[in-house]
Amino acid sequence: MAQNASVPVGAVPSKSELRQEGAHTGPTAREAKDVDDLITNLTNIRISNSTLVFLFDEELARAGSESSTNSDEAAADTTLPPSPSPSADSDSSAFSEFDIAKLPTVPTVTLNNPTSIPALDPLPPHRSSPPQDWYRIYRGYRYCVPAPTALPPYYMVTKGLHVGIVSGWEVAAALTSKVSGSVQRRVPSVEHGYSLFERALDGGNVEVLTVKKE
């Protein structure tokens, strides 16, 4: 069989050219059918095998590059930025902005003339002041009476430095001792002393006296 003319790589011959090439050799019917099938397949292929391999390698390289880029971007998205650590400058600046003058002040209390409590002096044996600060008024006459919390014994003084009902012998003696014409007596209760004193007052037997001079 004679050698066929070579076809350049990448150039696909037409069916008429292939049939003419086969006519010189006189192909059989089976060979003619094979040639027709080959021509049909070749008409659908416009590039060489080497070109297909090159394009396939390029596609693989591009896909690998995109996959690597996407992985790097995903890793970058999931990486959290480092949290800022506190520094001495930030603390000092925050403290410098704090206004100390706004703090509430506590007022200072100063005692220029502190009051002192005087010591209690003992009562003199003969007093010119009333023995207590409680009084009772009968028909316009005021006389002294014991305080509500005073304890017995009780005495009625109708003539003395002060007159009325008093609690305790010491008080009664201070009003009548060394007093000329003084009169005092013990009473069982304050109410009973009221009755006796007001009866003496009605009879004109009540009198305030002075200390007898020696």
Protein backbone atom coordinates (compact mmCIF):
# COMPACT_ATOMS: atom_id res chain seq x y z
CA MET A 1 0.00 0.00 0.00
CA ALA A 2 1.32 3.46 -0.98
CA GLN A 3 2.11 6.05 1.76
CA ASN A 4 -0.57 8.72 2.27
CA ALA A 5 0.30 12.38 2.28
CA SER A 6 0.79 13.65 5.86
CA VAL A 7 -1.69 16.11 7.35
CA PRO A 8 -0.27 18.97 9.40
CA VAL A 9 -0.96 18.85 13.16
CA GLY A 10 -4.00 20.86 14.01
CA ALA A 11 -5.36 20.86 10.41
CA VAL A 12 -8.27 18.49 9.91
CA PRO A 13 -8.75 17.41 6.23
CA SER A 14 -12.19 17.45 4.70
CA LYS A 15 -14.13 14.35 3.67
CA SER A 16 -13.51 14.97 -0.06
CA GLU A 17 -9.76 15.20 0.48
CA LEU A 18 -9.73 12.00 2.49
CA ARG A 19 -11.85 10.21 -0.13
CA GLN A 20 -9.53 11.41 -2.92
CA GLU A 21 -6.54 10.15 -0.95
CA GLY A 22 -8.18 6.79 -0.52
CA ALA A 23 -9.16 6.61 -4.22
CA HIS A 24 -5.56 6.41 -5.32
CA THR A 25 -5.03 3.28 -3.25
CA GLY A 26 -8.31 1.67 -4.05
CA PRO A 27 -9.74 0.90 -0.62
CA THR A 28 -12.20 -1.82 0.02
CA ALA A 29 -15.77 -1.22 1.16
CA ARG A 30 -14.84 -1.92 4.79
CA GLU A 31 -11.89 0.41 4.60
CA ALA A 32 -14.06 3.05 3.00
CA LYS A 33 -16.51 2.79 5.92
CA ASP A 34 -13.67 3.04 8.41
CA VAL A 35 -12.40 6.08 6.61
CA ASP A 36 -15.82 7.68 6.73
CA ASP A 37 -16.06 7.04 10.47
CA LEU A 38 -12.59 8.46 10.99
CA ILE A 39 -13.43 11.53 8.96
CA THR A 40 -16.58 12.04 11.00
CA ASN A 41 -14.63 11.82 14.25
CA LEU A 42 -11.88 14.09 13.00
CA THR A 43 -14.34 16.74 11.91
CA ASN A 44 -15.46 16.99 15.53
CA ILE A 45 -11.87 17.47 16.79
CA ARG A 46 -10.29 20.85 16.07
CA ILE A 47 -7.15 20.60 18.26
CA SER A 48 -4.25 18.17 18.66
CA ASN A 49 -3.65 15.82 21.59
CA SER A 50 -0.64 17.83 22.76
CA THR A 51 -2.80 20.91 22.88
CA LEU A 52 -5.42 19.06 24.94
CA VAL A 53 -2.76 17.92 27.44
CA PHE A 54 -1.44 21.48 27.74
CA LEU A 55 -4.92 22.92 28.36
CA PHE A 56 -5.70 20.19 30.88
CA ASP A 57 -2.50 20.99 32.84
CA GLU A 58 -3.35 24.69 32.77
CA GLU A 59 -6.85 24.00 34.11
CA LEU A 60 -5.46 21.87 36.95
CA ALA A 61 -2.96 24.56 37.90
CA ARG A 62 -5.66 27.25 37.91
CA ALA A 63 -8.02 25.13 40.02
CA GLY A 64 -5.24 24.44 42.55
CA SER A 65 -4.38 28.13 42.74
CA GLU A 66 -8.02 29.11 43.39
CA SER A 67 -8.37 26.40 46.05
CA SER A 68 -5.25 27.64 47.85
CA THR A 69 -6.45 31.24 47.68
CA ASN A 70 -9.88 30.34 49.06
CA SER A 71 -8.30 28.37 51.92
CA ASP A 72 -6.07 31.33 52.84
CA GLU A 73 -9.03 33.70 52.78
CA ALA A 74 -11.12 31.37 54.97
CA ALA A 75 -8.28 31.08 57.47
CA ALA A 76 -7.91 34.86 57.52
CA ASP A 77 -11.65 35.28 58.17
CA THR A 78 -11.63 32.88 61.13
CA THR A 79 -8.56 34.47 62.74
CA LEU A 80 -9.57 36.90 65.50
CA PRO A 81 -7.62 40.14 65.82
CA PRO A 82 -5.46 40.32 68.94
CA SER A 83 -7.13 42.11 71.83
CA PRO A 84 -5.37 45.29 72.89
CA SER A 85 -3.52 44.87 76.14
CA PRO A 86 -3.89 47.58 78.78
CA SER A 87 -0.96 49.89 78.95
CA ALA A 88 0.36 52.18 81.62
CA ASP A 89 -0.25 55.21 79.36
CA SER A 90 -4.00 54.52 79.11
CA ASP A 91 -4.31 54.11 82.88
CA SER A 92 -2.39 57.28 83.56
CA SER A 93 -4.44 59.25 81.04
CA ALA A 94 -7.71 58.01 82.57
CA PHE A 95 -6.49 59.02 86.02
CA SER A 96 -5.40 62.43 84.79
CA GLU A 97 -8.90 63.10 83.42
CA PHE A 98 -10.48 62.37 86.82
CA ASP A 99 -11.37 65.64 88.50
CA ILE A 100 -10.47 65.40 92.17
CA ALA A 101 -12.20 68.72 92.84
CA LYS A 102 -15.59 67.08 92.18
CA LEU A 103 -15.28 64.81 95.20
CA PRO A 104 -17.69 65.74 98.01
CA THR A 105 -16.05 67.41 100.96
CA VAL A 106 -16.90 66.69 104.57
CA PRO A 107 -17.56 69.85 106.56
CA THR A 108 -15.35 70.42 109.57
CA VAL A 109 -17.03 71.41 112.79
CA THR A 110 -14.93 73.57 115.08
CA LEU A 111 -15.92 74.40 118.64
CA ASN A 112 -14.53 77.81 119.52
CA ASN A 113 -16.04 77.96 122.96
CA PRO A 114 -16.80 74.46 124.20
CA THR A 115 -19.36 74.39 126.97
CA SER A 116 -18.19 72.76 130.15
CA ILE A 117 -20.53 71.21 132.69
CA PRO A 118 -20.04 72.82 136.10
CA ALA A 119 -19.63 70.63 139.13
CA LEU A 120 -22.63 70.31 141.43
CA ASP A 121 -22.26 72.16 144.71
CA PRO A 122 -23.79 70.78 147.91
CA LEU A 123 -26.94 72.49 149.14
CA PRO A 124 -26.49 74.87 152.04
CA PRO A 125 -28.21 73.96 155.31
CA HIS A 126 -30.51 77.03 155.08
CA ARG A 127 -31.76 77.91 151.61
CA SER A 128 -33.58 80.99 150.50
CA SER A 129 -34.83 79.28 147.29
CA PRO A 130 -37.75 76.82 147.09
CA PRO A 131 -36.83 73.18 147.88
CA GLN A 132 -38.36 72.01 144.57
CA ASP A 133 -39.79 73.43 141.36
CA TRP A 134 -43.29 71.97 141.70
CA TYR A 135 -46.08 74.14 143.04
CA ARG A 136 -49.76 74.04 143.82
CA ILE A 137 -52.10 77.04 143.83
CA TYR A 138 -54.95 77.30 146.28
CA ARG A 139 -57.18 80.43 146.18
CA GLY A 140 -54.39 82.39 144.55
CA TYR A 141 -51.74 81.25 147.02
CA ARG A 142 -48.86 79.23 145.61
CA TYR A 143 -47.04 76.68 147.81
CA CYS A 144 -44.44 74.03 147.04
CA VAL A 145 -45.27 70.35 146.55
CA PRO A 146 -43.13 67.22 145.91
CA ALA A 147 -42.34 66.06 142.40
CA PRO A 148 -44.47 63.17 141.07
CA THR A 149 -41.48 60.82 141.42
CA ALA A 150 -40.59 61.92 144.98
CA LEU A 151 -40.48 59.23 147.66
CA PRO A 152 -41.68 59.41 151.31
CA PRO A 153 -41.44 60.46 154.05
CA TYR A 154 -43.46 63.63 153.41
CA TYR A 155 -43.56 66.73 155.64
CA MET A 156 -45.88 69.71 155.78
CA VAL A 157 -44.26 73.09 156.58
CA THR A 158 -46.74 75.82 157.52
CA LYS A 159 -44.14 78.26 158.91
CA GLY A 160 -40.55 78.38 157.68
CA LEU A 161 -38.24 79.71 154.97
CA HIS A 162 -40.67 78.18 152.43
CA VAL A 163 -44.04 76.62 153.04
CA GLY A 164 -45.86 73.63 151.55
CA ILE A 165 -45.40 69.86 151.29
CA VAL A 166 -41.84 68.51 150.93
CA SER A 167 -40.20 65.07 150.54
CA GLY A 168 -37.48 63.97 152.99
CA TRP A 169 -36.44 65.11 156.41
CA GLU A 170 -33.33 66.88 155.10
CA VAL A 171 -35.45 69.29 153.08
CA ALA A 172 -37.88 69.90 155.93
CA ALA A 173 -35.00 70.57 158.37
CA ALA A 174 -33.38 73.01 155.95
CA LEU A 175 -36.59 75.07 155.90
CA THR A 176 -37.21 75.10 159.66
CA SER A 177 -33.89 74.62 161.48
CA LYS A 178 -32.71 77.70 163.38
CA VAL A 179 -35.81 79.57 162.25
CA SER A 180 -37.75 81.21 165.11
CA GLY A 181 -41.44 80.18 165.16
CA SER A 182 -41.16 77.53 162.41
CA VAL A 183 -43.77 74.77 162.24
CA GLN A 184 -43.55 71.43 160.40
CA ARG A 185 -45.08 67.98 160.77
CA ARG A 186 -44.96 64.63 159.02
CA VAL A 187 -47.95 63.58 156.90
CA PRO A 188 -48.86 60.06 155.70
CA SER A 189 -49.34 61.12 152.04
CA VAL A 190 -49.09 64.09 149.76
CA GLU A 191 -52.88 64.32 149.32
CA HIS A 192 -53.36 64.32 153.08
CA GLY A 193 -50.77 67.07 153.36
CA TYR A 194 -52.70 69.16 150.79
CA SER A 195 -55.83 68.97 152.91
CA LEU A 196 -54.06 69.93 156.15
CA PHE A 197 -52.05 72.76 154.59
CA GLU A 198 -55.05 74.36 152.83
CA ARG A 199 -57.05 74.14 156.09
CA ALA A 200 -54.18 75.94 157.91
CA LEU A 201 -54.09 78.47 155.09
CA ASP A 202 -57.81 79.16 155.51
CA GLY A 203 -57.27 79.63 159.26
CA GLY A 204 -54.40 82.11 158.78
CA ASN A 205 -51.78 79.76 160.19
CA VAL A 206 -49.34 79.82 157.23
CA GLU A 207 -46.37 82.23 157.25
CA VAL A 208 -43.00 82.56 155.50
CA LEU A 209 -40.24 83.31 158.06
CA THR A 210 -36.59 84.42 157.97
CA VAL A 211 -33.47 83.00 159.60
CA LYS A 212 -33.02 84.02 163.23
CA LYS A 213 -29.92 86.07 163.70
CA GLU A 214 -27.75 85.28 166.71
